[in-house]
């Protein structure tokens, strides 16, 4: 897409390939410390598209700098590769695994106590 924007002769063909690449770059950006996308350090904003369009461009330096497991780095590298790009399934593997804990709220405690409640026999249930 960048080459198309810059006016190169290659046509623009929409596909999930470019969607995976864009999403993978966004996810990579989320896992790299602010200002630490190695490929764009000391590059003017106006030159970023030219940098991405170059034949030897790679996000490998940023991937290597990210605090990720080797497996996660390998999948990210595959998803942002120009050749043999990853799939949507590969991209799904990159989502963070969230662990949530639930503290007992007043409502939770009330719900747990409900079976112990003695109903007055004079009250007719609806």
N, C-alpha and C. Protein backbone atom coordinates (compact mmCIF):
# COMPACT_ATOMS: atom_id res chain seq x y z
N UNK A 1 0.81 -1.17 0.00
CA UNK A 1 0.00 0.00 0.00
C UNK A 1 0.87 1.26 0.00
N UNK A 2 1.97 1.22 0.73
CA UNK A 2 2.86 2.38 0.80
C UNK A 2 3.41 2.71 -0.59
N UNK A 3 3.81 1.69 -1.31
CA UNK A 3 4.34 1.92 -2.66
C UNK A 3 3.28 2.56 -3.55
N UNK A 4 2.04 2.15 -3.39
CA UNK A 4 0.94 2.74 -4.16
C UNK A 4 0.77 4.21 -3.78
N UNK A 5 0.79 4.51 -2.49
CA UNK A 5 0.65 5.89 -2.02
C UNK A 5 1.77 6.76 -2.56
N UNK A 6 2.97 6.21 -2.65
CA UNK A 6 4.12 6.97 -3.14
C UNK A 6 4.15 7.07 -4.66
N UNK A 7 3.18 6.45 -5.34
CA UNK A 7 3.10 6.58 -6.79
C UNK A 7 3.87 5.54 -7.58
N UNK A 8 4.31 4.47 -6.94
CA UNK A 8 4.99 3.41 -7.67
C UNK A 8 4.00 2.73 -8.60
N UNK A 9 4.48 1.96 -9.52
CA UNK A 9 3.62 1.36 -10.54
C UNK A 9 2.80 0.17 -10.04
N UNK A 10 3.10 -0.33 -8.86
CA UNK A 10 2.35 -1.49 -8.37
C UNK A 10 0.92 -1.09 -8.05
N UNK A 11 -0.01 -1.96 -8.41
CA UNK A 11 -1.41 -1.69 -8.15
C UNK A 11 -1.76 -1.98 -6.70
N UNK A 12 -2.90 -1.48 -6.30
CA UNK A 12 -3.36 -1.69 -4.93
C UNK A 12 -4.42 -2.78 -4.94
N UNK A 13 -4.15 -3.86 -4.22
CA UNK A 13 -5.09 -4.97 -4.13
C UNK A 13 -5.44 -5.19 -2.67
N UNK A 14 -6.70 -4.96 -2.33
CA UNK A 14 -7.14 -5.14 -0.95
C UNK A 14 -7.22 -6.63 -0.62
N UNK A 15 -6.70 -6.98 0.54
CA UNK A 15 -6.77 -8.37 0.98
C UNK A 15 -6.51 -8.43 2.48
N UNK A 16 -6.72 -9.60 3.05
CA UNK A 16 -6.44 -9.77 4.48
C UNK A 16 -4.95 -9.68 4.76
N UNK A 17 -4.13 -9.85 3.74
CA UNK A 17 -2.67 -9.76 3.92
C UNK A 17 -2.30 -8.38 4.45
N UNK A 18 -2.82 -7.33 3.83
CA UNK A 18 -2.49 -5.98 4.30
C UNK A 18 -3.15 -5.70 5.64
N UNK A 19 -4.32 -6.28 5.89
CA UNK A 19 -4.97 -6.12 7.19
C UNK A 19 -4.13 -6.74 8.30
N UNK A 20 -3.60 -7.94 8.05
CA UNK A 20 -2.75 -8.61 9.03
C UNK A 20 -1.50 -7.78 9.29
N UNK A 21 -0.89 -7.28 8.23
CA UNK A 21 0.34 -6.49 8.37
C UNK A 21 0.06 -5.24 9.21
N UNK A 22 -0.99 -4.50 8.88
CA UNK A 22 -1.32 -3.27 9.61
C UNK A 22 -1.63 -3.56 11.08
N UNK A 23 -2.43 -4.58 11.32
CA UNK A 23 -2.77 -4.93 12.70
C UNK A 23 -1.54 -5.40 13.47
N UNK A 24 -0.67 -6.16 12.82
CA UNK A 24 0.55 -6.65 13.48
C UNK A 24 1.48 -5.50 13.83
N UNK A 25 1.56 -4.50 12.96
CA UNK A 25 2.39 -3.32 13.26
C UNK A 25 1.81 -2.58 14.46
N UNK A 26 0.50 -2.43 14.49
CA UNK A 26 -0.15 -1.77 15.62
C UNK A 26 0.11 -2.52 16.92
N UNK A 27 -0.04 -3.84 16.90
CA UNK A 27 0.19 -4.65 18.09
C UNK A 27 1.66 -4.55 18.51
N UNK A 28 2.57 -4.57 17.54
CA UNK A 28 4.00 -4.41 17.87
C UNK A 28 4.23 -3.07 18.55
N UNK A 29 3.61 -2.03 18.02
CA UNK A 29 3.77 -0.69 18.59
C UNK A 29 3.28 -0.65 20.05
N UNK A 30 2.27 -1.43 20.36
CA UNK A 30 1.75 -1.48 21.73
C UNK A 30 2.73 -2.14 22.70
N UNK A 31 3.57 -3.05 22.19
CA UNK A 31 4.49 -3.78 23.05
C UNK A 31 5.90 -3.20 23.08
N UNK A 32 6.14 -2.18 22.29
CA UNK A 32 7.45 -1.53 22.28
C UNK A 32 7.34 -0.26 23.11
N UNK A 33 8.34 0.02 23.91
CA UNK A 33 8.32 1.22 24.75
C UNK A 33 8.15 2.46 23.88
N UNK A 34 7.44 3.47 24.39
CA UNK A 34 7.21 4.70 23.60
C UNK A 34 8.51 5.28 23.04
N UNK A 35 8.46 5.64 21.77
CA UNK A 35 9.62 6.22 21.10
C UNK A 35 10.71 5.22 20.78
N UNK A 36 10.41 3.91 20.89
CA UNK A 36 11.45 2.91 20.71
C UNK A 36 11.22 2.02 19.48
N UNK A 37 10.48 2.52 18.51
CA UNK A 37 10.36 1.80 17.24
C UNK A 37 11.66 2.09 16.50
N UNK A 38 12.58 1.17 16.60
CA UNK A 38 13.96 1.36 16.13
C UNK A 38 14.05 1.83 14.68
N UNK A 39 13.14 1.36 13.85
CA UNK A 39 13.21 1.65 12.41
C UNK A 39 12.94 3.12 12.10
N UNK A 40 12.31 3.85 13.02
CA UNK A 40 11.92 5.23 12.73
C UNK A 40 12.67 6.26 13.56
N UNK A 41 13.64 5.82 14.36
CA UNK A 41 14.44 6.76 15.13
C UNK A 41 15.30 7.56 14.16
N UNK A 42 15.33 8.86 14.34
CA UNK A 42 16.10 9.79 13.50
C UNK A 42 15.63 9.83 12.05
N UNK A 43 14.38 9.50 11.81
CA UNK A 43 13.81 9.61 10.47
C UNK A 43 12.68 10.63 10.54
N UNK A 44 12.71 11.59 9.63
CA UNK A 44 11.66 12.61 9.60
C UNK A 44 10.33 11.97 9.24
N UNK A 45 9.26 12.53 9.78
CA UNK A 45 7.92 11.99 9.51
C UNK A 45 7.66 11.87 8.01
N UNK A 46 8.13 12.84 7.24
CA UNK A 46 7.91 12.83 5.79
C UNK A 46 8.61 11.66 5.11
N UNK A 47 9.63 11.09 5.74
CA UNK A 47 10.41 10.01 5.13
C UNK A 47 9.98 8.61 5.60
N UNK A 48 9.02 8.53 6.50
CA UNK A 48 8.61 7.22 7.03
C UNK A 48 8.05 6.32 5.93
N UNK A 49 7.20 6.85 5.06
CA UNK A 49 6.65 6.03 3.98
C UNK A 49 7.74 5.51 3.06
N UNK A 50 8.72 6.35 2.74
CA UNK A 50 9.83 5.92 1.88
C UNK A 50 10.63 4.81 2.56
N UNK A 51 10.80 4.94 3.86
CA UNK A 51 11.54 3.92 4.61
C UNK A 51 10.80 2.58 4.56
N UNK A 52 9.49 2.61 4.78
CA UNK A 52 8.70 1.37 4.74
C UNK A 52 8.70 0.76 3.35
N UNK A 53 8.70 1.61 2.31
CA UNK A 53 8.64 1.12 0.92
C UNK A 53 9.96 0.55 0.43
N UNK A 54 11.05 0.78 1.15
CA UNK A 54 12.34 0.27 0.67
C UNK A 54 12.36 -1.26 0.68
N UNK A 55 13.09 -1.83 -0.24
CA UNK A 55 13.09 -3.30 -0.41
C UNK A 55 13.71 -4.04 0.78
N UNK A 56 14.55 -3.37 1.55
CA UNK A 56 15.20 -4.05 2.67
C UNK A 56 14.58 -3.69 4.03
N UNK A 57 13.40 -3.08 4.02
CA UNK A 57 12.76 -2.67 5.28
C UNK A 57 12.31 -3.88 6.08
N UNK A 58 12.48 -3.78 7.40
CA UNK A 58 12.08 -4.83 8.31
C UNK A 58 11.82 -4.22 9.69
N UNK A 59 10.90 -4.79 10.43
CA UNK A 59 10.65 -4.37 11.81
C UNK A 59 11.45 -5.21 12.80
N UNK A 60 12.42 -5.96 12.33
CA UNK A 60 13.14 -6.90 13.19
C UNK A 60 13.83 -6.21 14.37
N UNK A 61 14.38 -5.02 14.18
CA UNK A 61 15.07 -4.34 15.28
C UNK A 61 14.09 -4.01 16.42
N UNK A 62 12.90 -3.57 16.07
CA UNK A 62 11.90 -3.28 17.10
C UNK A 62 11.40 -4.55 17.77
N UNK A 63 11.24 -5.60 16.98
CA UNK A 63 10.81 -6.89 17.54
C UNK A 63 11.86 -7.39 18.53
N UNK A 64 13.13 -7.30 18.15
CA UNK A 64 14.21 -7.74 19.04
C UNK A 64 14.26 -6.93 20.32
N UNK A 65 13.90 -5.63 20.24
CA UNK A 65 13.96 -4.76 21.41
C UNK A 65 12.75 -4.91 22.33
N UNK A 66 11.69 -5.53 21.83
CA UNK A 66 10.47 -5.68 22.62
C UNK A 66 10.65 -6.73 23.72
N UNK A 67 9.97 -6.52 24.81
CA UNK A 67 10.03 -7.45 25.94
C UNK A 67 9.02 -8.58 25.70
N UNK A 68 9.41 -9.52 24.85
CA UNK A 68 8.53 -10.61 24.43
C UNK A 68 9.27 -11.94 24.49
N UNK A 69 8.52 -13.01 24.55
CA UNK A 69 9.14 -14.34 24.51
C UNK A 69 9.64 -14.60 23.09
N UNK A 70 10.51 -15.57 22.93
CA UNK A 70 11.02 -15.92 21.60
C UNK A 70 9.88 -16.33 20.67
N UNK A 71 8.92 -17.07 21.19
CA UNK A 71 7.76 -17.50 20.39
C UNK A 71 6.97 -16.29 19.88
N UNK A 72 6.72 -15.33 20.78
CA UNK A 72 5.98 -14.13 20.40
C UNK A 72 6.75 -13.31 19.37
N UNK A 73 8.06 -13.23 19.53
CA UNK A 73 8.88 -12.49 18.56
C UNK A 73 8.82 -13.15 17.18
N UNK A 74 8.85 -14.47 17.17
CA UNK A 74 8.81 -15.20 15.89
C UNK A 74 7.48 -14.97 15.17
N UNK A 75 6.38 -15.03 15.92
CA UNK A 75 5.06 -14.81 15.31
C UNK A 75 4.93 -13.37 14.83
N UNK A 76 5.39 -12.41 15.61
CA UNK A 76 5.31 -11.01 15.19
C UNK A 76 6.14 -10.78 13.93
N UNK A 77 7.32 -11.36 13.90
CA UNK A 77 8.17 -11.21 12.71
C UNK A 77 7.47 -11.77 11.48
N UNK A 78 6.78 -12.89 11.64
CA UNK A 78 6.05 -13.49 10.52
C UNK A 78 4.92 -12.58 10.06
N UNK A 79 4.21 -11.97 10.99
CA UNK A 79 3.05 -11.14 10.64
C UNK A 79 3.44 -9.82 9.99
N UNK A 80 4.63 -9.29 10.28
CA UNK A 80 5.04 -8.02 9.67
C UNK A 80 6.02 -8.23 8.52
N UNK A 81 6.23 -9.46 8.14
CA UNK A 81 7.13 -9.77 7.03
C UNK A 81 6.48 -9.37 5.71
N UNK A 82 7.28 -8.94 4.76
CA UNK A 82 6.77 -8.60 3.43
C UNK A 82 6.44 -9.88 2.67
N UNK A 83 7.25 -10.90 2.82
CA UNK A 83 7.01 -12.17 2.14
C UNK A 83 6.52 -13.21 3.15
N UNK A 84 5.64 -14.05 2.71
CA UNK A 84 5.08 -15.11 3.56
C UNK A 84 4.54 -14.56 4.87
N UNK A 85 3.69 -13.58 4.71
CA UNK A 85 3.10 -12.91 5.87
C UNK A 85 2.24 -13.87 6.66
N UNK A 86 2.08 -13.58 7.94
CA UNK A 86 1.27 -14.41 8.82
C UNK A 86 -0.21 -14.31 8.48
N UNK A 87 -0.97 -15.15 9.14
CA UNK A 87 -2.42 -15.21 8.92
C UNK A 87 -3.15 -14.50 10.06
N UNK A 88 -4.46 -14.40 9.92
CA UNK A 88 -5.26 -13.84 11.00
C UNK A 88 -5.14 -14.70 12.26
N UNK A 89 -4.99 -16.00 12.09
CA UNK A 89 -4.81 -16.90 13.24
C UNK A 89 -3.49 -16.59 13.96
N UNK A 90 -2.42 -16.34 13.18
CA UNK A 90 -1.15 -15.96 13.80
C UNK A 90 -1.32 -14.66 14.59
N UNK A 91 -2.04 -13.73 13.98
CA UNK A 91 -2.26 -12.44 14.63
C UNK A 91 -3.03 -12.61 15.93
N UNK A 92 -3.99 -13.51 15.95
CA UNK A 92 -4.78 -13.76 17.16
C UNK A 92 -3.89 -14.27 18.30
N UNK A 93 -2.84 -14.99 17.97
CA UNK A 93 -1.90 -15.49 18.99
C UNK A 93 -1.16 -14.35 19.68
N UNK A 94 -1.16 -13.17 19.07
CA UNK A 94 -0.42 -12.05 19.63
C UNK A 94 -1.21 -11.25 20.65
N UNK A 95 -2.52 -11.46 20.71
CA UNK A 95 -3.31 -10.71 21.68
C UNK A 95 -2.86 -11.08 23.08
N UNK A 96 -2.79 -10.11 23.96
CA UNK A 96 -2.37 -10.43 25.33
C UNK A 96 -3.40 -11.31 26.03
N UNK A 97 -2.91 -12.21 26.83
CA UNK A 97 -3.77 -13.07 27.63
C UNK A 97 -4.08 -12.33 28.93
N UNK A 98 -5.31 -11.97 29.11
CA UNK A 98 -5.69 -11.19 30.28
C UNK A 98 -6.10 -12.11 31.42
N UNK A 99 -5.62 -11.79 32.58
CA UNK A 99 -6.01 -12.53 33.77
C UNK A 99 -6.80 -11.56 34.64
N UNK A 100 -7.99 -11.94 34.97
CA UNK A 100 -8.80 -11.07 35.80
C UNK A 100 -9.11 -11.77 37.11
N UNK A 101 -9.20 -10.98 38.11
CA UNK A 101 -9.61 -11.50 39.41
C UNK A 101 -10.82 -10.71 39.85
N UNK A 102 -11.64 -11.33 40.64
CA UNK A 102 -12.86 -10.67 41.07
C UNK A 102 -12.89 -10.64 42.59
N UNK A 103 -12.99 -9.46 43.11
CA UNK A 103 -13.10 -9.32 44.55
C UNK A 103 -14.56 -9.48 44.93
N UNK A 104 -14.79 -10.04 46.07
CA UNK A 104 -16.16 -10.21 46.54
C UNK A 104 -16.81 -8.86 46.84
N UNK A 105 -17.78 -8.49 46.05
CA UNK A 105 -18.49 -7.24 46.28
C UNK A 105 -19.67 -7.52 47.19
N UNK A 106 -20.34 -6.46 47.59
CA UNK A 106 -21.54 -6.62 48.42
C UNK A 106 -22.58 -7.45 47.72
N UNK A 107 -22.73 -7.26 46.42
CA UNK A 107 -23.72 -8.02 45.64
C UNK A 107 -23.35 -9.50 45.58
N UNK A 108 -22.05 -9.78 45.41
CA UNK A 108 -21.60 -11.17 45.38
C UNK A 108 -21.88 -11.84 46.72
N UNK A 109 -21.59 -11.15 47.79
CA UNK A 109 -21.83 -11.71 49.13
C UNK A 109 -23.32 -11.94 49.38
N UNK A 110 -24.15 -11.02 48.89
CA UNK A 110 -25.60 -11.18 49.03
C UNK A 110 -26.07 -12.40 48.27
N UNK A 111 -25.58 -12.57 47.04
CA UNK A 111 -25.95 -13.72 46.21
C UNK A 111 -25.56 -15.03 46.88
N UNK A 112 -24.36 -15.06 47.47
CA UNK A 112 -23.90 -16.27 48.14
C UNK A 112 -24.72 -16.57 49.39
N UNK A 113 -25.26 -15.55 50.04
CA UNK A 113 -26.02 -15.73 51.27
C UNK A 113 -27.48 -16.10 51.02
N UNK A 114 -27.96 -15.91 49.80
CA UNK A 114 -29.38 -16.15 49.49
C UNK A 114 -29.88 -17.55 49.90
N UNK A 115 -29.13 -18.61 49.66
CA UNK A 115 -29.65 -19.94 50.06
C UNK A 115 -29.85 -20.08 51.56
N UNK A 116 -29.18 -19.26 52.35
CA UNK A 116 -29.27 -19.36 53.80
C UNK A 116 -30.43 -18.55 54.37
N UNK A 117 -31.06 -17.74 53.52
CA UNK A 117 -32.13 -16.85 53.99
C UNK A 117 -33.37 -17.68 54.31
N UNK A 118 -33.93 -17.44 55.47
CA UNK A 118 -35.17 -18.11 55.88
C UNK A 118 -36.32 -17.19 55.50
N UNK A 119 -37.23 -17.71 54.70
CA UNK A 119 -38.37 -16.91 54.26
C UNK A 119 -39.49 -17.06 55.27
N UNK A 120 -40.07 -15.93 55.64
CA UNK A 120 -41.21 -15.94 56.56
C UNK A 120 -42.35 -16.70 55.91
N UNK A 121 -42.87 -17.68 56.59
CA UNK A 121 -43.92 -18.53 56.00
C UNK A 121 -45.21 -17.76 55.73
N UNK A 122 -45.37 -16.56 56.32
CA UNK A 122 -46.57 -15.76 56.07
C UNK A 122 -46.49 -15.02 54.74
N UNK A 123 -45.31 -14.93 54.17
CA UNK A 123 -45.13 -14.20 52.91
C UNK A 123 -45.38 -15.17 51.77
N UNK A 124 -46.25 -14.77 50.86
CA UNK A 124 -46.57 -15.60 49.71
C UNK A 124 -45.66 -15.21 48.56
N UNK A 125 -44.99 -16.20 48.00
CA UNK A 125 -44.09 -15.92 46.87
C UNK A 125 -44.91 -15.64 45.63
N UNK A 126 -44.44 -14.73 44.82
CA UNK A 126 -45.16 -14.36 43.59
C UNK A 126 -45.01 -15.42 42.54
